[in-house]
Amino acid sequence: GDLDFVASITPSAATSKIRFQAVLQTALSSTHFYGI
């Protein structure tokens, strides 16, 4: 399910790498495993 949280970047070269970092505050409506 899409959590409507997006970040975009326009790289300057295909030889670059993109470091993706996120700190997310999350919860689920019941007690069980969930993920991102």
ModelCIF file with pLDDT and N, C-alpha, C, O atoms, coordinates in Angstrom:
data_MODEL
#
_entry.id   MODEL 
#
_entity.id                         1 
_entity.type                       polymer 
_entity.pdbx_number_of_molecules   1 
#
_entity_poly.entity_id                      1 
_entity_poly.type                           'polypeptide(L)' 
_entity_poly.nstd_linkage                   no 
_entity_poly.nstd_monomer                   no 
_entity_poly.pdbx_seq_one_letter_code       GDLDFVASITPSAATSKIRFQAVLQTALSSTHFYGI 
_entity_poly.pdbx_seq_one_letter_code_can   GDLDFVASITPSAATSKIRFQAVLQTALSSTHFYGI 
_entity_poly.pdbx_strand_id                 A 
#
loop_
_entity_poly_seq.entity_id 
_entity_poly_seq.num 
_entity_poly_seq.mon_id 
_entity_poly_seq.hetero 
1 1  GLY n 
1 2  ASP n 
1 3  LEU n 
1 4  ASP n 
1 5  PHE n 
1 6  VAL n 
1 7  ALA n 
1 8  SER n 
1 9  ILE n 
1 10 THR n 
1 11 PRO n 
1 12 SER n 
1 13 ALA n 
1 14 ALA n 
1 15 THR n 
1 16 SER n 
1 17 LYS n 
1 18 ILE n 
1 19 ARG n 
1 20 PHE n 
1 21 GLN n 
1 22 ALA n 
1 23 VAL n 
1 24 LEU n 
1 25 GLN n 
1 26 THR n 
1 27 ALA n 
1 28 LEU n 
1 29 SER n 
1 30 SER n 
1 31 THR n 
1 32 HIS n 
1 33 PHE n 
1 34 TYR n 
1 35 GLY n 
1 36 ILE n 
#
_struct_asym.id          A 
_struct_asym.entity_id   1 
#
loop_
_ma_qa_metric.id 
_ma_qa_metric.mode 
_ma_qa_metric.name 
_ma_qa_metric.software_group_id 
_ma_qa_metric.type 
1 global pLDDT . pLDDT 
2 local  pLDDT . pLDDT 
#
_ma_qa_metric_global.metric_id      1 
_ma_qa_metric_global.metric_value   89.78 
_ma_qa_metric_global.model_id       1 
_ma_qa_metric_global.ordinal_id     1 
#
loop_
_ma_qa_metric_local.label_asym_id 
_ma_qa_metric_local.label_comp_id 
_ma_qa_metric_local.label_seq_id 
_ma_qa_metric_local.metric_id 
_ma_qa_metric_local.metric_value 
_ma_qa_metric_local.model_id 
_ma_qa_metric_local.ordinal_id 
A GLY 1  2 89.00 1 1  
A ASP 2  2 92.00 1 2  
A LEU 3  2 92.00 1 3  
A ASP 4  2 93.00 1 4  
A PHE 5  2 95.00 1 5  
A VAL 6  2 97.00 1 6  
A ALA 7  2 98.00 1 7  
A SER 8  2 97.00 1 8  
A ILE 9  2 98.00 1 9  
A THR 10 2 97.00 1 10 
A PRO 11 2 97.00 1 11 
A SER 12 2 95.00 1 12 
A ALA 13 2 94.00 1 13 
A ALA 14 2 92.00 1 14 
A THR 15 2 95.00 1 15 
A SER 16 2 96.00 1 16 
A LYS 17 2 96.00 1 17 
A ILE 18 2 97.00 1 18 
A ARG 19 2 97.00 1 19 
A PHE 20 2 97.00 1 20 
A GLN 21 2 98.00 1 21 
A ALA 22 2 97.00 1 22 
A VAL 23 2 94.00 1 23 
A LEU 24 2 93.00 1 24 
A GLN 25 2 88.00 1 25 
A THR 26 2 87.00 1 26 
A ALA 27 2 81.00 1 27 
A LEU 28 2 78.00 1 28 
A SER 29 2 77.00 1 29 
A SER 30 2 73.00 1 30 
A THR 31 2 62.00 1 31 
A HIS 32 2 71.00 1 32 
A PHE 33 2 75.00 1 33 
A TYR 34 2 80.00 1 34 
A GLY 35 2 85.00 1 35 
A ILE 36 2 89.00 1 36 
#
loop_
_atom_site.group_PDB 
_atom_site.id 
_atom_site.type_symbol 
_atom_site.label_atom_id 
_atom_site.label_alt_id 
_atom_site.label_comp_id 
_atom_site.label_asym_id 
_atom_site.label_entity_id 
_atom_site.label_seq_id 
_atom_site.pdbx_PDB_ins_code 
_atom_site.Cartn_x 
_atom_site.Cartn_y 
_atom_site.Cartn_z 
_atom_site.occupancy 
_atom_site.B_iso_or_equiv 
_atom_site.pdbx_formal_charge 
_atom_site.auth_seq_id 
_atom_site.auth_comp_id 
_atom_site.auth_asym_id 
_atom_site.auth_atom_id 
_atom_site.pdbx_PDB_model_num 
ATOM 1   N N  . GLY A 1 1  ? 0.825  -1.201 0.000   1.00 89.00 ? 1  GLY A N  1 
ATOM 2   C CA . GLY A 1 1  ? 0.000  0.000  0.000   1.00 89.00 ? 1  GLY A CA 1 
ATOM 3   C C  . GLY A 1 1  ? 0.858  1.250  0.000   1.00 89.00 ? 1  GLY A C  1 
ATOM 4   O O  . GLY A 1 1  ? 1.797  1.351  0.790   1.00 89.00 ? 1  GLY A O  1 
ATOM 5   N N  . ASP A 1 2  ? 0.561  2.188  -0.856  1.00 92.00 ? 2  ASP A N  1 
ATOM 6   C CA . ASP A 1 2  ? 1.322  3.430  -1.011  1.00 92.00 ? 2  ASP A CA 1 
ATOM 7   C C  . ASP A 1 2  ? 1.096  4.327  0.200   1.00 92.00 ? 2  ASP A C  1 
ATOM 8   O O  . ASP A 1 2  ? -0.039 4.710  0.485   1.00 92.00 ? 2  ASP A O  1 
ATOM 9   N N  . LEU A 1 3  ? 2.175  4.668  0.920   1.00 92.00 ? 3  LEU A N  1 
ATOM 10  C CA . LEU A 1 3  ? 2.086  5.534  2.093   1.00 92.00 ? 3  LEU A CA 1 
ATOM 11  C C  . LEU A 1 3  ? 2.225  7.019  1.749   1.00 92.00 ? 3  LEU A C  1 
ATOM 12  O O  . LEU A 1 3  ? 2.392  7.845  2.647   1.00 92.00 ? 3  LEU A O  1 
ATOM 13  N N  . ASP A 1 4  ? 2.159  7.364  0.473   1.00 93.00 ? 4  ASP A N  1 
ATOM 14  C CA . ASP A 1 4  ? 2.143  8.753  0.014   1.00 93.00 ? 4  ASP A CA 1 
ATOM 15  C C  . ASP A 1 4  ? 3.310  9.567  0.576   1.00 93.00 ? 4  ASP A C  1 
ATOM 16  O O  . ASP A 1 4  ? 3.127  10.681 1.067   1.00 93.00 ? 4  ASP A O  1 
ATOM 17  N N  . PHE A 1 5  ? 4.501  8.994  0.496   1.00 95.00 ? 5  PHE A N  1 
ATOM 18  C CA . PHE A 1 5  ? 5.712  9.691  0.929   1.00 95.00 ? 5  PHE A CA 1 
ATOM 19  C C  . PHE A 1 5  ? 6.769  9.449  -0.145  1.00 95.00 ? 5  PHE A C  1 
ATOM 20  O O  . PHE A 1 5  ? 7.265  8.334  -0.304  1.00 95.00 ? 5  PHE A O  1 
ATOM 21  N N  . VAL A 1 6  ? 7.110  10.517 -0.883  1.00 97.00 ? 6  VAL A N  1 
ATOM 22  C CA . VAL A 1 6  ? 7.971  10.422 -2.059  1.00 97.00 ? 6  VAL A CA 1 
ATOM 23  C C  . VAL A 1 6  ? 9.046  11.496 -1.991  1.00 97.00 ? 6  VAL A C  1 
ATOM 24  O O  . VAL A 1 6  ? 8.791  12.618 -1.554  1.00 97.00 ? 6  VAL A O  1 
ATOM 25  N N  . ALA A 1 7  ? 10.248 11.142 -2.427  1.00 98.00 ? 7  ALA A N  1 
ATOM 26  C CA . ALA A 1 7  ? 11.334 12.110 -2.599  1.00 98.00 ? 7  ALA A CA 1 
ATOM 27  C C  . ALA A 1 7  ? 11.926 11.895 -3.980  1.00 98.00 ? 7  ALA A C  1 
ATOM 28  O O  . ALA A 1 7  ? 12.050 10.758 -4.435  1.00 98.00 ? 7  ALA A O  1 
ATOM 29  N N  . SER A 1 8  ? 12.294 12.986 -4.654  1.00 97.00 ? 8  SER A N  1 
ATOM 30  C CA . SER A 1 8  ? 12.819 12.901 -6.022  1.00 97.00 ? 8  SER A CA 1 
ATOM 31  C C  . SER A 1 8  ? 14.132 13.651 -6.149  1.00 97.00 ? 8  SER A C  1 
ATOM 32  O O  . SER A 1 8  ? 14.392 14.629 -5.448  1.00 97.00 ? 8  SER A O  1 
ATOM 33  N N  . ILE A 1 9  ? 14.950 13.156 -7.069  1.00 98.00 ? 9  ILE A N  1 
ATOM 34  C CA . ILE A 1 9  ? 16.239 13.780 -7.352  1.00 98.00 ? 9  ILE A CA 1 
ATOM 35  C C  . ILE A 1 9  ? 16.511 13.605 -8.844  1.00 98.00 ? 9  ILE A C  1 
ATOM 36  O O  . ILE A 1 9  ? 16.146 12.582 -9.422  1.00 98.00 ? 9  ILE A O  1 
ATOM 37  N N  . THR A 1 10 ? 17.148 14.591 -9.469  1.00 97.00 ? 10 THR A N  1 
ATOM 38  C CA . THR A 1 10 ? 17.564 14.463 -10.862 1.00 97.00 ? 10 THR A CA 1 
ATOM 39  C C  . THR A 1 10 ? 19.086 14.399 -10.884 1.00 97.00 ? 10 THR A C  1 
ATOM 40  O O  . THR A 1 10 ? 19.760 15.413 -10.703 1.00 97.00 ? 10 THR A O  1 
ATOM 41  N N  . PRO A 1 11 ? 19.624 13.203 -11.105 1.00 97.00 ? 11 PRO A N  1 
ATOM 42  C CA . PRO A 1 11 ? 21.080 13.040 -11.087 1.00 97.00 ? 11 PRO A CA 1 
ATOM 43  C C  . PRO A 1 11 ? 21.756 13.796 -12.227 1.00 97.00 ? 11 PRO A C  1 
ATOM 44  O O  . PRO A 1 11 ? 21.123 14.151 -13.221 1.00 97.00 ? 11 PRO A O  1 
ATOM 45  N N  . SER A 1 12 ? 23.050 14.032 -12.062 1.00 95.00 ? 12 SER A N  1 
ATOM 46  C CA . SER A 1 12 ? 23.810 14.711 -13.101 1.00 95.00 ? 12 SER A CA 1 
ATOM 47  C C  . SER A 1 12 ? 24.505 13.728 -14.041 1.00 95.00 ? 12 SER A C  1 
ATOM 48  O O  . SER A 1 12 ? 24.936 14.119 -15.125 1.00 95.00 ? 12 SER A O  1 
ATOM 49  N N  . ALA A 1 13 ? 24.622 12.437 -13.637 1.00 94.00 ? 13 ALA A N  1 
ATOM 50  C CA . ALA A 1 13 ? 25.282 11.442 -14.498 1.00 94.00 ? 13 ALA A CA 1 
ATOM 51  C C  . ALA A 1 13 ? 24.834 10.030 -14.130 1.00 94.00 ? 13 ALA A C  1 
ATOM 52  O O  . ALA A 1 13 ? 24.554 9.740  -12.967 1.00 94.00 ? 13 ALA A O  1 
ATOM 53  N N  . ALA A 1 14 ? 24.770 9.158  -15.132 1.00 92.00 ? 14 ALA A N  1 
ATOM 54  C CA . ALA A 1 14 ? 24.384 7.758  -14.896 1.00 92.00 ? 14 ALA A CA 1 
ATOM 55  C C  . ALA A 1 14 ? 25.464 6.990  -14.146 1.00 92.00 ? 14 ALA A C  1 
ATOM 56  O O  . ALA A 1 14 ? 25.207 5.900  -13.634 1.00 92.00 ? 14 ALA A O  1 
ATOM 57  N N  . THR A 1 15 ? 26.660 7.543  -14.077 1.00 95.00 ? 15 THR A N  1 
ATOM 58  C CA . THR A 1 15 ? 27.741 6.886  -13.330 1.00 95.00 ? 15 THR A CA 1 
ATOM 59  C C  . THR A 1 15 ? 27.656 7.179  -11.837 1.00 95.00 ? 15 THR A C  1 
ATOM 60  O O  . THR A 1 15 ? 28.373 6.577  -11.038 1.00 95.00 ? 15 THR A O  1 
ATOM 61  N N  . SER A 1 16 ? 26.779 8.105  -11.465 1.00 96.00 ? 16 SER A N  1 
ATOM 62  C CA . SER A 1 16 ? 26.606 8.429  -10.041 1.00 96.00 ? 16 SER A CA 1 
ATOM 63  C C  . SER A 1 16 ? 25.891 7.293  -9.322  1.00 96.00 ? 16 SER A C  1 
ATOM 64  O O  . SER A 1 16 ? 25.338 6.391  -9.950  1.00 96.00 ? 16 SER A O  1 
ATOM 65  N N  . LYS A 1 17 ? 25.913 7.354  -8.011  1.00 96.00 ? 17 LYS A N  1 
ATOM 66  C CA . LYS A 1 17 ? 25.119 6.487  -7.143  1.00 96.00 ? 17 LYS A CA 1 
ATOM 67  C C  . LYS A 1 17 ? 24.190 7.408  -6.352  1.00 96.00 ? 17 LYS A C  1 
ATOM 68  O O  . LYS A 1 17 ? 24.515 8.568  -6.096  1.00 96.00 ? 17 LYS A O  1 
ATOM 69  N N  . ILE A 1 18 ? 23.028 6.870  -5.971  1.00 97.00 ? 18 ILE A N  1 
ATOM 70  C CA . ILE A 1 18 ? 22.105 7.623  -5.126  1.00 97.00 ? 18 ILE A CA 1 
ATOM 71  C C  . ILE A 1 18 ? 22.038 6.925  -3.774  1.00 97.00 ? 18 ILE A C  1 
ATOM 72  O O  . ILE A 1 18 ? 21.705 5.743  -3.687  1.00 97.00 ? 18 ILE A O  1 
ATOM 73  N N  . ARG A 1 19 ? 22.356 7.662  -2.738  1.00 97.00 ? 19 ARG A N  1 
ATOM 74  C CA . ARG A 1 19 ? 22.205 7.120  -1.382  1.00 97.00 ? 19 ARG A CA 1 
ATOM 75  C C  . ARG A 1 19 ? 20.812 7.487  -0.888  1.00 97.00 ? 19 ARG A C  1 
ATOM 76  O O  . ARG A 1 19 ? 20.467 8.661  -0.747  1.00 97.00 ? 19 ARG A O  1 
ATOM 77  N N  . PHE A 1 20 ? 20.025 6.453  -0.630  1.00 97.00 ? 20 PHE A N  1 
ATOM 78  C CA . PHE A 1 20 ? 18.670 6.600  -0.107  1.00 97.00 ? 20 PHE A CA 1 
ATOM 79  C C  . PHE A 1 20 ? 18.744 6.381  1.403   1.00 97.00 ? 20 PHE A C  1 
ATOM 80  O O  . PHE A 1 20 ? 19.207 5.337  1.862   1.00 97.00 ? 20 PHE A O  1 
ATOM 81  N N  . GLN A 1 21 ? 18.288 7.365  2.166   1.00 98.00 ? 21 GLN A N  1 
ATOM 82  C CA . GLN A 1 21 ? 18.201 7.236  3.621   1.00 98.00 ? 21 GLN A CA 1 
ATOM 83  C C  . GLN A 1 21 ? 16.813 7.683  4.046   1.00 98.00 ? 21 GLN A C  1 
ATOM 84  O O  . GLN A 1 21 ? 16.276 8.660  3.526   1.00 98.00 ? 21 GLN A O  1 
ATOM 85  N N  . ALA A 1 22 ? 16.241 6.963  4.991   1.00 97.00 ? 22 ALA A N  1 
ATOM 86  C CA . ALA A 1 22 ? 14.926 7.345  5.505   1.00 97.00 ? 22 ALA A CA 1 
ATOM 87  C C  . ALA A 1 22 ? 14.848 7.005  6.982   1.00 97.00 ? 22 ALA A C  1 
ATOM 88  O O  . ALA A 1 22 ? 15.402 6.007  7.443   1.00 97.00 ? 22 ALA A O  1 
ATOM 89  N N  . VAL A 1 23 ? 14.153 7.854  7.704   1.00 94.00 ? 23 VAL A N  1 
ATOM 90  C CA . VAL A 1 23 ? 13.779 7.584  9.089   1.00 94.00 ? 23 VAL A CA 1 
ATOM 91  C C  . VAL A 1 23 ? 12.266 7.728  9.130   1.00 94.00 ? 23 VAL A C  1 
ATOM 92  O O  . VAL A 1 23 ? 11.719 8.816  8.950   1.00 94.00 ? 23 VAL A O  1 
ATOM 93  N N  . LEU A 1 24 ? 11.599 6.590  9.374   1.00 93.00 ? 24 LEU A N  1 
ATOM 94  C CA . LEU A 1 24 ? 10.140 6.533  9.313   1.00 93.00 ? 24 LEU A CA 1 
ATOM 95  C C  . LEU A 1 24 ? 9.566  6.206  10.679  1.00 93.00 ? 24 LEU A C  1 
ATOM 96  O O  . LEU A 1 24 ? 10.074 5.330  11.379  1.00 93.00 ? 24 LEU A O  1 
ATOM 97  N N  . GLN A 1 25 ? 8.501  6.915  11.061  1.00 88.00 ? 25 GLN A N  1 
ATOM 98  C CA . GLN A 1 25 ? 7.760  6.657  12.297  1.00 88.00 ? 25 GLN A CA 1 
ATOM 99  C C  . GLN A 1 25 ? 6.513  5.888  11.881  1.00 88.00 ? 25 GLN A C  1 
ATOM 100 O O  . GLN A 1 25 ? 5.627  6.460  11.246  1.00 88.00 ? 25 GLN A O  1 
ATOM 101 N N  . THR A 1 26 ? 6.422  4.599  12.224  1.00 87.00 ? 26 THR A N  1 
ATOM 102 C CA . THR A 1 26 ? 5.381  3.735  11.674  1.00 87.00 ? 26 THR A CA 1 
ATOM 103 C C  . THR A 1 26 ? 4.605  2.995  12.762  1.00 87.00 ? 26 THR A C  1 
ATOM 104 O O  . THR A 1 26 ? 5.059  2.880  13.900  1.00 87.00 ? 26 THR A O  1 
ATOM 105 N N  . ALA A 1 27 ? 3.427  2.498  12.388  1.00 81.00 ? 27 ALA A N  1 
ATOM 106 C CA . ALA A 1 27 ? 2.619  1.648  13.259  1.00 81.00 ? 27 ALA A CA 1 
ATOM 107 C C  . ALA A 1 27 ? 1.629  0.868  12.406  1.00 81.00 ? 27 ALA A C  1 
ATOM 108 O O  . ALA A 1 27 ? 1.382  1.197  11.245  1.00 81.00 ? 27 ALA A O  1 
ATOM 109 N N  . LEU A 1 28 ? 1.066  -0.179 13.013  1.00 78.00 ? 28 LEU A N  1 
ATOM 110 C CA . LEU A 1 28 ? 0.042  -1.006 12.380  1.00 78.00 ? 28 LEU A CA 1 
ATOM 111 C C  . LEU A 1 28 ? -1.125 -1.102 13.342  1.00 78.00 ? 28 LEU A C  1 
ATOM 112 O O  . LEU A 1 28 ? -0.939 -1.001 14.555  1.00 78.00 ? 28 LEU A O  1 
ATOM 113 N N  . SER A 1 29 ? -2.332 -1.295 12.816  1.00 77.00 ? 29 SER A N  1 
ATOM 114 C CA . SER A 1 29 ? -3.537 -1.309 13.655  1.00 77.00 ? 29 SER A CA 1 
ATOM 115 C C  . SER A 1 29 ? -3.719 -2.600 14.451  1.00 77.00 ? 29 SER A C  1 
ATOM 116 O O  . SER A 1 29 ? -4.712 -2.741 15.164  1.00 77.00 ? 29 SER A O  1 
ATOM 117 N N  . SER A 1 30 ? -2.785 -3.542 14.347  1.00 73.00 ? 30 SER A N  1 
ATOM 118 C CA . SER A 1 30 ? -2.878 -4.767 15.144  1.00 73.00 ? 30 SER A CA 1 
ATOM 119 C C  . SER A 1 30 ? -1.484 -5.284 15.450  1.00 73.00 ? 30 SER A C  1 
ATOM 120 O O  . SER A 1 30 ? -0.492 -4.744 14.960  1.00 73.00 ? 30 SER A O  1 
ATOM 121 N N  . THR A 1 31 ? -1.410 -6.323 16.256  1.00 62.00 ? 31 THR A N  1 
ATOM 122 C CA . THR A 1 31 ? -0.113 -6.859 16.656  1.00 62.00 ? 31 THR A CA 1 
ATOM 123 C C  . THR A 1 31 ? 0.329  -7.972 15.717  1.00 62.00 ? 31 THR A C  1 
ATOM 124 O O  . THR A 1 31 ? -0.165 -9.096 15.802  1.00 62.00 ? 31 THR A O  1 
ATOM 125 N N  . HIS A 1 32 ? 1.248  -7.662 14.835  1.00 71.00 ? 32 HIS A N  1 
ATOM 126 C CA . HIS A 1 32 ? 1.824  -8.658 13.947  1.00 71.00 ? 32 HIS A CA 1 
ATOM 127 C C  . HIS A 1 32 ? 2.954  -8.007 13.171  1.00 71.00 ? 32 HIS A C  1 
ATOM 128 O O  . HIS A 1 32 ? 3.249  -6.827 13.365  1.00 71.00 ? 32 HIS A O  1 
ATOM 129 N N  . PHE A 1 33 ? 3.590  -8.774 12.288  1.00 75.00 ? 33 PHE A N  1 
ATOM 130 C CA . PHE A 1 33 ? 4.678  -8.249 11.476  1.00 75.00 ? 33 PHE A CA 1 
ATOM 131 C C  . PHE A 1 33 ? 4.143  -7.296 10.398  1.00 75.00 ? 33 PHE A C  1 
ATOM 132 O O  . PHE A 1 33 ? 3.085  -7.522 9.811   1.00 75.00 ? 33 PHE A O  1 
ATOM 133 N N  . TYR A 1 34 ? 4.897  -6.241 10.162  1.00 80.00 ? 34 TYR A N  1 
ATOM 134 C CA . TYR A 1 34 ? 4.639  -5.392 8.999   1.00 80.00 ? 34 TYR A CA 1 
ATOM 135 C C  . TYR A 1 34 ? 5.977  -4.892 8.475   1.00 80.00 ? 34 TYR A C  1 
ATOM 136 O O  . TYR A 1 34 ? 7.007  -5.036 9.132   1.00 80.00 ? 34 TYR A O  1 
ATOM 137 N N  . GLY A 1 35 ? 5.950  -4.314 7.306   1.00 85.00 ? 35 GLY A N  1 
ATOM 138 C CA . GLY A 1 35 ? 7.206  -3.875 6.737   1.00 85.00 ? 35 GLY A CA 1 
ATOM 139 C C  . GLY A 1 35 ? 7.044  -2.757 5.739   1.00 85.00 ? 35 GLY A C  1 
ATOM 140 O O  . GLY A 1 35 ? 5.942  -2.320 5.410   1.00 85.00 ? 35 GLY A O  1 
ATOM 141 N N  . ILE A 1 36 ? 8.199  -2.314 5.271   1.00 89.00 ? 36 ILE A N  1 
ATOM 142 C CA . ILE A 1 36 ? 8.294  -1.228 4.294   1.00 89.00 ? 36 ILE A CA 1 
ATOM 143 C C  . ILE A 1 36 ? 9.041  -1.746 3.079   1.00 89.00 ? 36 ILE A C  1 
ATOM 144 O O  . ILE A 1 36 ? 9.245  -1.004 2.117   1.00 89.00 ? 36 ILE A O  1 
#
